[in-house]
Amino acid sequence: MIFLHASYGNEETEQWENIKVIPLKPNKELFPEQNIENEDGFGLISESLCLPNGEVITLGVAFSSSNLSINFVIQKGECTLLNLGAFKVTLEAFDPSVVFRTPNGLDLSFMFSSVNA
């Protein structure tokens, strides 16, 4: 199992604050009509995330456990804010780490790990 860890930069405390830890779903749950036998992947097709500043973004993730590859997409409405392809070093590590600013000025951080912390 792999988890997406979402945080935002709190300007008052100057600390990262956790927003949500989202478990990725096995591909056989995401695509039941495809009769997937080999459990190699996890993901999110479209997960909305309400941010502390009122913005709503949509997350999409694909993870392959055979080569530890991740594709991560963040959208706001019809606009793609980020599209990232990367590889993890190990399942336990919190890589890749993605940090960016939303259109309304909120700093966000996303990390991926098998640790649900």
N, C-alpha and C. Protein backbone atom coordinates (compact mmCIF):
# COMPACT_ATOMS: atom_id res chain seq x y z
N MET A 1 0.85 -1.18 0.00
CA MET A 1 0.00 0.00 0.00
C MET A 1 0.89 1.23 0.00
N ILE A 2 0.44 2.24 -0.73
CA ILE A 2 1.19 3.50 -0.80
C ILE A 2 0.22 4.63 -0.45
N PHE A 3 0.75 5.66 0.22
CA PHE A 3 -0.04 6.78 0.68
C PHE A 3 0.48 8.08 0.09
N LEU A 4 -0.43 9.00 -0.20
CA LEU A 4 -0.09 10.35 -0.63
C LEU A 4 -0.26 11.25 0.59
N HIS A 5 0.81 11.94 0.97
CA HIS A 5 0.82 12.84 2.13
C HIS A 5 0.74 14.27 1.62
N ALA A 6 -0.33 14.99 2.00
CA ALA A 6 -0.55 16.36 1.56
C ALA A 6 -0.38 17.31 2.74
N SER A 7 0.40 18.38 2.53
CA SER A 7 0.63 19.39 3.57
C SER A 7 0.57 20.78 2.93
N TYR A 8 0.36 21.78 3.77
CA TYR A 8 0.42 23.16 3.29
C TYR A 8 1.33 23.98 4.19
N GLY A 9 1.87 25.05 3.64
CA GLY A 9 2.73 25.94 4.40
C GLY A 9 1.90 26.94 5.18
N ASN A 10 1.93 26.82 6.51
CA ASN A 10 1.19 27.74 7.38
C ASN A 10 2.05 28.98 7.58
N GLU A 11 1.61 30.11 7.03
CA GLU A 11 2.41 31.33 7.11
C GLU A 11 2.54 31.86 8.52
N GLU A 12 1.53 31.63 9.38
CA GLU A 12 1.58 32.13 10.76
C GLU A 12 2.63 31.39 11.59
N THR A 13 2.65 30.05 11.46
CA THR A 13 3.59 29.25 12.26
C THR A 13 4.89 28.97 11.52
N GLU A 14 4.91 29.25 10.21
CA GLU A 14 6.05 28.94 9.35
C GLU A 14 6.42 27.46 9.41
N GLN A 15 5.40 26.62 9.52
CA GLN A 15 5.55 25.17 9.57
C GLN A 15 4.66 24.52 8.51
N TRP A 16 5.04 23.30 8.11
CA TRP A 16 4.17 22.52 7.25
C TRP A 16 3.10 21.88 8.12
N GLU A 17 1.84 22.01 7.71
CA GLU A 17 0.71 21.42 8.42
C GLU A 17 0.09 20.34 7.55
N ASN A 18 -0.17 19.18 8.13
CA ASN A 18 -0.78 18.09 7.37
C ASN A 18 -2.22 18.45 7.01
N ILE A 19 -2.56 18.20 5.76
CA ILE A 19 -3.95 18.35 5.32
C ILE A 19 -4.64 16.99 5.36
N LYS A 20 -3.98 16.00 4.75
CA LYS A 20 -4.63 14.70 4.61
C LYS A 20 -3.60 13.66 4.17
N VAL A 21 -3.79 12.43 4.62
CA VAL A 21 -3.05 11.28 4.11
C VAL A 21 -4.06 10.44 3.34
N ILE A 22 -3.79 10.25 2.05
CA ILE A 22 -4.74 9.56 1.18
C ILE A 22 -4.16 8.23 0.73
N PRO A 23 -4.81 7.11 1.08
CA PRO A 23 -4.32 5.81 0.59
C PRO A 23 -4.65 5.65 -0.89
N LEU A 24 -3.67 5.19 -1.66
CA LEU A 24 -3.94 4.88 -3.06
C LEU A 24 -4.69 3.56 -3.12
N LYS A 25 -5.56 3.44 -4.10
CA LYS A 25 -6.39 2.24 -4.23
C LYS A 25 -5.76 1.26 -5.20
N PRO A 26 -5.89 -0.04 -4.92
CA PRO A 26 -5.38 -1.04 -5.88
C PRO A 26 -6.08 -0.89 -7.23
N ASN A 27 -5.32 -1.13 -8.29
CA ASN A 27 -5.87 -1.00 -9.64
C ASN A 27 -7.09 -1.88 -9.86
N LYS A 28 -7.15 -3.04 -9.21
CA LYS A 28 -8.32 -3.89 -9.44
C LYS A 28 -9.60 -3.27 -8.87
N GLU A 29 -9.46 -2.35 -7.88
CA GLU A 29 -10.62 -1.60 -7.40
C GLU A 29 -10.94 -0.42 -8.32
N LEU A 30 -9.89 0.19 -8.87
CA LEU A 30 -10.09 1.34 -9.76
C LEU A 30 -10.68 0.93 -11.11
N PHE A 31 -10.29 -0.25 -11.58
CA PHE A 31 -10.70 -0.73 -12.90
C PHE A 31 -11.27 -2.15 -12.81
N PRO A 32 -12.40 -2.33 -12.11
CA PRO A 32 -12.94 -3.69 -11.90
C PRO A 32 -13.31 -4.41 -13.18
N GLU A 33 -13.66 -3.65 -14.22
CA GLU A 33 -14.07 -4.28 -15.48
C GLU A 33 -12.90 -4.89 -16.24
N GLN A 34 -11.66 -4.61 -15.83
CA GLN A 34 -10.50 -5.11 -16.55
C GLN A 34 -9.98 -6.45 -16.01
N ASN A 35 -10.59 -6.99 -14.96
CA ASN A 35 -10.20 -8.29 -14.40
C ASN A 35 -8.69 -8.39 -14.18
N ILE A 36 -8.14 -7.47 -13.45
CA ILE A 36 -6.70 -7.45 -13.17
C ILE A 36 -6.36 -8.55 -12.18
N GLU A 37 -5.46 -9.46 -12.57
CA GLU A 37 -5.07 -10.56 -11.70
C GLU A 37 -3.80 -10.24 -10.93
N ASN A 38 -2.81 -9.69 -11.60
CA ASN A 38 -1.54 -9.37 -10.97
C ASN A 38 -1.65 -7.99 -10.34
N GLU A 39 -1.53 -7.91 -9.01
CA GLU A 39 -1.65 -6.63 -8.31
C GLU A 39 -0.33 -5.88 -8.34
N ASP A 40 -0.15 -5.10 -9.38
CA ASP A 40 1.10 -4.37 -9.57
C ASP A 40 0.96 -2.89 -9.29
N GLY A 41 -0.25 -2.36 -9.32
CA GLY A 41 -0.38 -0.92 -9.25
C GLY A 41 -1.45 -0.43 -8.31
N PHE A 42 -1.31 0.85 -7.99
CA PHE A 42 -2.25 1.55 -7.12
C PHE A 42 -2.46 2.93 -7.72
N GLY A 43 -3.50 3.62 -7.29
CA GLY A 43 -3.67 4.97 -7.80
C GLY A 43 -4.91 5.67 -7.28
N LEU A 44 -5.14 6.83 -7.86
CA LEU A 44 -6.34 7.64 -7.66
C LEU A 44 -6.72 8.14 -9.05
N ILE A 45 -7.95 7.98 -9.43
CA ILE A 45 -8.37 8.48 -10.73
C ILE A 45 -8.64 9.97 -10.64
N SER A 46 -9.40 10.38 -9.64
CA SER A 46 -9.74 11.79 -9.48
C SER A 46 -10.18 12.01 -8.04
N GLU A 47 -9.31 12.59 -7.24
CA GLU A 47 -9.58 12.83 -5.82
C GLU A 47 -9.56 14.33 -5.57
N SER A 48 -10.69 14.89 -5.14
CA SER A 48 -10.75 16.32 -4.83
C SER A 48 -10.15 16.57 -3.45
N LEU A 49 -9.44 17.68 -3.35
CA LEU A 49 -8.83 18.07 -2.08
C LEU A 49 -9.16 19.53 -1.83
N CYS A 50 -9.89 19.79 -0.71
CA CYS A 50 -10.24 21.16 -0.33
C CYS A 50 -9.09 21.72 0.50
N LEU A 51 -8.55 22.84 0.08
CA LEU A 51 -7.39 23.44 0.73
C LEU A 51 -7.83 24.47 1.78
N PRO A 52 -6.98 24.75 2.74
CA PRO A 52 -7.34 25.70 3.81
C PRO A 52 -7.70 27.11 3.32
N ASN A 53 -7.24 27.50 2.13
CA ASN A 53 -7.57 28.83 1.61
C ASN A 53 -8.84 28.83 0.75
N GLY A 54 -9.56 27.69 0.72
CA GLY A 54 -10.81 27.60 -0.03
C GLY A 54 -10.67 27.05 -1.43
N GLU A 55 -9.46 26.95 -1.95
CA GLU A 55 -9.27 26.38 -3.28
C GLU A 55 -9.58 24.88 -3.24
N VAL A 56 -10.01 24.37 -4.37
CA VAL A 56 -10.23 22.93 -4.53
C VAL A 56 -9.38 22.48 -5.71
N ILE A 57 -8.55 21.47 -5.46
CA ILE A 57 -7.74 20.90 -6.53
C ILE A 57 -8.11 19.44 -6.69
N THR A 58 -7.76 18.87 -7.82
CA THR A 58 -8.05 17.46 -8.10
C THR A 58 -6.73 16.74 -8.31
N LEU A 59 -6.59 15.59 -7.65
CA LEU A 59 -5.37 14.80 -7.71
C LEU A 59 -5.61 13.52 -8.51
N GLY A 60 -4.64 13.16 -9.30
CA GLY A 60 -4.64 11.88 -10.00
C GLY A 60 -3.27 11.24 -9.82
N VAL A 61 -3.24 9.95 -9.49
CA VAL A 61 -1.97 9.28 -9.22
C VAL A 61 -1.99 7.88 -9.83
N ALA A 62 -0.87 7.49 -10.40
CA ALA A 62 -0.66 6.11 -10.84
C ALA A 62 0.67 5.66 -10.28
N PHE A 63 0.68 4.50 -9.62
CA PHE A 63 1.91 3.95 -9.02
C PHE A 63 2.06 2.50 -9.45
N SER A 64 3.24 2.14 -9.92
CA SER A 64 3.54 0.76 -10.29
C SER A 64 4.56 0.20 -9.31
N SER A 65 4.19 -0.85 -8.59
CA SER A 65 5.10 -1.43 -7.60
C SER A 65 6.23 -2.23 -8.24
N SER A 66 6.08 -2.62 -9.51
CA SER A 66 7.13 -3.42 -10.15
C SER A 66 8.40 -2.60 -10.39
N ASN A 67 8.26 -1.31 -10.69
CA ASN A 67 9.45 -0.47 -10.91
C ASN A 67 9.45 0.79 -10.05
N LEU A 68 8.52 0.88 -9.09
CA LEU A 68 8.39 2.01 -8.16
C LEU A 68 8.22 3.35 -8.87
N SER A 69 7.51 3.34 -10.00
CA SER A 69 7.28 4.58 -10.73
C SER A 69 5.96 5.23 -10.30
N ILE A 70 5.97 6.56 -10.34
CA ILE A 70 4.80 7.34 -9.97
C ILE A 70 4.54 8.37 -11.05
N ASN A 71 3.26 8.53 -11.40
CA ASN A 71 2.83 9.67 -12.19
C ASN A 71 1.81 10.40 -11.34
N PHE A 72 2.00 11.70 -11.20
CA PHE A 72 1.18 12.51 -10.30
C PHE A 72 0.71 13.75 -11.05
N VAL A 73 -0.61 13.95 -11.06
CA VAL A 73 -1.21 15.08 -11.77
C VAL A 73 -2.07 15.87 -10.80
N ILE A 74 -1.91 17.20 -10.83
CA ILE A 74 -2.74 18.10 -10.02
C ILE A 74 -3.43 19.06 -10.98
N GLN A 75 -4.75 19.18 -10.82
CA GLN A 75 -5.52 20.08 -11.66
C GLN A 75 -6.38 20.99 -10.79
N LYS A 76 -6.65 22.18 -11.32
CA LYS A 76 -7.64 23.08 -10.73
C LYS A 76 -8.59 23.43 -11.85
N GLY A 77 -9.81 22.93 -11.74
CA GLY A 77 -10.76 23.08 -12.84
C GLY A 77 -10.22 22.32 -14.04
N GLU A 78 -10.16 22.98 -15.17
CA GLU A 78 -9.66 22.36 -16.40
C GLU A 78 -8.16 22.60 -16.60
N CYS A 79 -7.53 23.32 -15.67
CA CYS A 79 -6.12 23.68 -15.81
C CYS A 79 -5.21 22.69 -15.08
N THR A 80 -4.23 22.15 -15.79
CA THR A 80 -3.25 21.28 -15.16
C THR A 80 -2.18 22.14 -14.51
N LEU A 81 -2.03 22.00 -13.18
CA LEU A 81 -1.02 22.75 -12.43
C LEU A 81 0.31 22.02 -12.38
N LEU A 82 0.25 20.68 -12.39
CA LEU A 82 1.47 19.88 -12.28
C LEU A 82 1.23 18.52 -12.91
N ASN A 83 2.22 18.03 -13.64
CA ASN A 83 2.21 16.67 -14.16
C ASN A 83 3.64 16.16 -13.98
N LEU A 84 3.82 15.21 -13.07
CA LEU A 84 5.15 14.74 -12.69
C LEU A 84 5.25 13.24 -12.84
N GLY A 85 6.33 12.78 -13.45
CA GLY A 85 6.67 11.36 -13.49
C GLY A 85 7.99 11.18 -12.76
N ALA A 86 8.05 10.20 -11.85
CA ALA A 86 9.26 10.01 -11.05
C ALA A 86 9.33 8.55 -10.58
N PHE A 87 10.46 8.20 -9.97
CA PHE A 87 10.65 6.87 -9.40
C PHE A 87 11.00 7.00 -7.93
N LYS A 88 10.46 6.09 -7.11
CA LYS A 88 10.80 6.05 -5.70
C LYS A 88 12.09 5.26 -5.51
N VAL A 89 12.86 5.61 -4.47
CA VAL A 89 14.06 4.85 -4.13
C VAL A 89 13.66 3.57 -3.39
N THR A 90 12.80 3.70 -2.39
CA THR A 90 12.23 2.57 -1.66
C THR A 90 10.78 2.90 -1.35
N LEU A 91 9.99 1.89 -1.02
CA LEU A 91 8.59 2.14 -0.68
C LEU A 91 8.45 2.97 0.59
N GLU A 92 9.36 2.78 1.55
CA GLU A 92 9.25 3.45 2.84
C GLU A 92 9.65 4.92 2.77
N ALA A 93 10.53 5.28 1.85
CA ALA A 93 11.00 6.67 1.75
C ALA A 93 9.85 7.59 1.36
N PHE A 94 9.96 8.85 1.71
CA PHE A 94 8.92 9.83 1.40
C PHE A 94 9.25 10.59 0.11
N ASP A 95 9.70 9.86 -0.91
CA ASP A 95 10.02 10.49 -2.18
C ASP A 95 8.99 10.05 -3.23
N PRO A 96 8.79 10.74 -4.29
CA PRO A 96 9.33 12.07 -4.52
C PRO A 96 8.62 13.09 -3.64
N SER A 97 9.24 14.23 -3.47
CA SER A 97 8.66 15.34 -2.75
C SER A 97 8.34 16.43 -3.76
N VAL A 98 7.11 16.90 -3.75
CA VAL A 98 6.66 17.92 -4.69
C VAL A 98 6.23 19.14 -3.88
N VAL A 99 6.81 20.29 -4.16
CA VAL A 99 6.43 21.53 -3.49
C VAL A 99 6.12 22.57 -4.56
N PHE A 100 4.96 23.22 -4.46
CA PHE A 100 4.61 24.26 -5.41
C PHE A 100 3.57 25.19 -4.79
N ARG A 101 3.32 26.31 -5.46
CA ARG A 101 2.35 27.31 -5.00
C ARG A 101 1.11 27.25 -5.89
N THR A 102 -0.06 27.24 -5.27
CA THR A 102 -1.32 27.22 -6.01
C THR A 102 -1.58 28.59 -6.65
N PRO A 103 -2.51 28.67 -7.59
CA PRO A 103 -2.82 29.97 -8.20
C PRO A 103 -3.25 31.04 -7.19
N ASN A 104 -3.87 30.63 -6.06
CA ASN A 104 -4.28 31.60 -5.04
C ASN A 104 -3.22 31.79 -3.97
N GLY A 105 -2.00 31.27 -4.17
CA GLY A 105 -0.88 31.59 -3.30
C GLY A 105 -0.63 30.70 -2.10
N LEU A 106 -1.19 29.48 -2.07
CA LEU A 106 -0.94 28.57 -0.96
C LEU A 106 0.20 27.62 -1.33
N ASP A 107 1.21 27.53 -0.47
CA ASP A 107 2.31 26.59 -0.69
C ASP A 107 1.86 25.20 -0.29
N LEU A 108 2.05 24.23 -1.19
CA LEU A 108 1.65 22.84 -0.94
C LEU A 108 2.85 21.93 -1.07
N SER A 109 2.81 20.84 -0.30
CA SER A 109 3.82 19.79 -0.38
C SER A 109 3.11 18.45 -0.47
N PHE A 110 3.59 17.60 -1.36
CA PHE A 110 3.06 16.25 -1.50
C PHE A 110 4.24 15.27 -1.47
N MET A 111 4.06 14.17 -0.74
CA MET A 111 5.07 13.12 -0.66
C MET A 111 4.35 11.78 -0.75
N PHE A 112 5.10 10.73 -1.12
CA PHE A 112 4.55 9.40 -1.29
C PHE A 112 5.35 8.41 -0.43
N SER A 113 4.65 7.55 0.31
CA SER A 113 5.34 6.57 1.13
C SER A 113 4.40 5.41 1.46
N SER A 114 5.00 4.27 1.83
CA SER A 114 4.20 3.15 2.32
C SER A 114 3.88 3.33 3.80
N VAL A 115 4.40 4.39 4.40
CA VAL A 115 4.18 4.68 5.82
C VAL A 115 2.95 5.59 5.95
N ASN A 116 2.01 5.20 6.78
CA ASN A 116 0.81 6.00 7.01
C ASN A 116 1.02 6.80 8.29
N ALA A 117 1.78 7.88 8.18
CA ALA A 117 2.08 8.70 9.37
C ALA A 117 1.55 10.09 9.21
